[in-house]
Every structure is written in structure tokens, then in C-alpha cells.
Amino acid sequence: MASAAITKNKTIEVTLNIKKLAKNASWRYKASSAIKCIRKFVQKQFKCKDEVLLAPDVNKRVFCNGMHNIPNKIRIRVERGPSNKDPLKNVFKVSLVNVNTFKGLITQAIAE
């Protein structure tokens, strides 16, 4: 899907269908398992087990309708950079991208 963009660039924008990612989770833990699925998705796409840090706005967006009723889709920006605690380690920083509609959006590599 976006493997060429991922290997060359440090920043990408992705639309995630988190309803689909968390469909097997119990209704009681739907939102918290969606957060775990976002972390797992980032590690899988970048083929790396580095730490994934979610911005508070991503967490608020997933929990906006409560624990049981998560939004269908979410657009995120994933940046790879040095850790604040240890500059030698890399971390993935995930932030929310607000969009009006998800139609026609594809995975994009952001050139900085």
C-alpha cells in the first residue's frame, strides 16, 4: 500500500478505518482496544517495534462518543523522530488531521 512512501519519508498521512480494526473487541473495551490497534498498525506499517506516542487529540477523537461507540474513520499523521527521553532512540509521534470528508483521501508522504 504505502511501503515505498514509508521507507523513504519520515512523515506520512493515513486514513484508518478504526471501526474495522477494533471490530473483534468486546463492546466494553472498544475505544481502548482501538487505541491499541492504532499503535499496532503504525508498528506494522513501519516494520519496526519502536515506541508509538499518541497525541491527546487522537485520544479525544477516539473517545469522543464514549467508550462503546467509536468513530468509523480517523485521519492521522505519523512522524518518526528522536525520543524526548533518550535522543538515541526513535519514536513514532501520531497526531490527528482534521478533514471534512474522507472521500478520495489516500496515503500521502509528507515532504519536509
Protein backbone atom coordinates (compact mmCIF):
# COMPACT_ATOMS: atom_id res chain seq x y z
CA MET A 1 0.00 0.00 0.00
CA ALA A 2 2.32 2.75 1.17
CA SER A 3 5.54 0.84 1.74
CA ALA A 4 7.60 2.93 -0.72
CA ALA A 5 6.45 6.14 0.93
CA ILE A 6 7.14 4.73 4.37
CA THR A 7 10.71 3.64 3.69
CA LYS A 8 11.76 6.93 2.07
CA ASN A 9 9.95 9.51 4.18
CA LYS A 10 9.70 10.10 7.87
CA THR A 11 6.17 11.53 7.81
CA ILE A 12 3.01 10.08 6.29
CA GLU A 13 -0.73 10.77 6.47
CA VAL A 14 -3.03 7.76 6.65
CA THR A 15 -6.77 7.24 6.91
CA LEU A 16 -7.62 4.43 9.32
CA ASN A 17 -10.92 2.60 9.50
CA ILE A 18 -10.75 2.05 13.25
CA LYS A 19 -14.25 0.57 13.39
CA LYS A 20 -12.89 -2.26 11.25
CA LEU A 21 -9.65 -2.58 13.24
CA ALA A 22 -11.48 -2.90 16.57
CA LYS A 23 -14.44 -4.98 15.38
CA ASN A 24 -13.42 -8.11 17.30
CA ALA A 25 -13.07 -6.25 20.60
CA SER A 26 -15.70 -6.51 23.28
CA TRP A 27 -18.16 -3.60 23.42
CA ARG A 28 -16.90 -2.83 26.90
CA TYR A 29 -13.34 -2.12 25.71
CA LYS A 30 -13.99 -0.88 22.16
CA ALA A 31 -12.27 2.53 22.42
CA SER A 32 -9.26 1.34 24.41
CA SER A 33 -8.70 -1.55 22.01
CA ALA A 34 -8.95 0.92 19.09
CA ILE A 35 -6.06 2.87 20.64
CA LYS A 36 -4.04 -0.35 20.87
CA CYS A 37 -4.91 -1.17 17.25
CA ILE A 38 -3.65 2.25 16.10
CA ARG A 39 -0.32 1.60 17.84
CA LYS A 40 -0.10 -1.89 16.36
CA PHE A 41 -0.96 -0.58 12.87
CA VAL A 42 1.84 2.02 12.98
CA GLN A 43 4.39 -0.56 14.10
CA LYS A 44 3.26 -2.97 11.39
CA GLN A 45 3.38 -0.39 8.59
CA PHE A 46 6.84 0.87 9.51
CA LYS A 47 8.08 -2.68 10.22
CA CYS A 48 9.63 -1.51 13.47
CA LYS A 49 8.97 -2.08 17.17
CA ASP A 50 9.76 1.49 18.24
CA GLU A 51 7.54 3.23 20.77
CA VAL A 52 4.37 4.91 19.46
CA LEU A 53 3.28 8.16 21.14
CA LEU A 54 -0.29 9.32 20.55
CA ALA A 55 -1.19 12.99 20.79
CA PRO A 56 -4.00 13.84 23.22
CA ASP A 57 -6.25 14.97 20.35
CA VAL A 58 -6.13 11.46 18.82
CA ASN A 59 -7.20 10.01 22.15
CA LYS A 60 -10.00 12.59 22.47
CA ARG A 61 -11.23 11.83 18.94
CA VAL A 62 -11.42 8.08 19.59
CA PHE A 63 -13.23 8.61 22.91
CA CYS A 64 -15.48 11.46 21.61
CA ASN A 65 -18.64 9.31 21.58
CA GLY A 66 -17.79 7.35 24.70
CA MET A 67 -16.08 4.01 25.22
CA HIS A 68 -18.57 1.93 23.26
CA ASN A 69 -19.30 3.99 20.14
CA ILE A 70 -16.03 4.78 18.35
CA PRO A 71 -15.90 6.85 15.12
CA ASN A 72 -15.75 4.98 11.83
CA LYS A 73 -12.62 6.57 10.38
CA ILE A 74 -9.79 8.77 11.55
CA ARG A 75 -7.04 10.58 9.62
CA ILE A 76 -3.64 10.58 11.33
CA ARG A 77 -0.16 11.93 10.63
CA VAL A 78 2.71 9.65 11.66
CA GLU A 79 6.14 11.21 12.21
CA ARG A 80 9.32 9.38 13.07
CA GLY A 81 11.77 11.26 15.24
CA PRO A 82 14.07 11.08 18.24
CA SER A 83 12.66 10.42 21.68
CA ASN A 84 12.45 13.20 24.26
CA LYS A 85 13.80 10.90 26.98
CA ASP A 86 16.60 9.25 25.00
CA PRO A 87 17.78 11.04 21.81
CA LEU A 88 19.38 7.84 20.51
CA LYS A 89 16.03 6.04 20.29
CA ASN A 90 13.41 6.68 17.61
CA VAL A 91 9.71 7.06 18.37
CA PHE A 92 6.62 7.44 16.22
CA LYS A 93 4.51 10.51 17.01
CA VAL A 94 0.88 10.20 15.92
CA SER A 95 -1.24 13.33 15.57
CA LEU A 96 -4.77 13.96 14.33
CA VAL A 97 -5.52 15.55 10.95
CA ASN A 98 -8.95 17.17 10.77
CA VAL A 99 -10.74 16.67 7.44
CA ASN A 100 -14.26 17.45 6.28
CA THR A 101 -14.72 14.26 4.30
CA PHE A 102 -12.75 11.05 3.85
CA LYS A 103 -13.69 10.62 0.17
CA GLY A 104 -10.75 10.42 -2.19
CA LEU A 105 -8.08 10.55 0.51
CA ILE A 106 -5.09 8.28 0.03
CA THR A 107 -1.92 7.65 1.98
CA GLN A 108 0.43 10.57 1.39
CA ALA A 109 4.10 11.02 2.12
CA ILE A 110 4.76 14.49 3.54
CA ALA A 111 7.98 16.10 2.31
CA GLU A 112 9.50 18.40 4.90
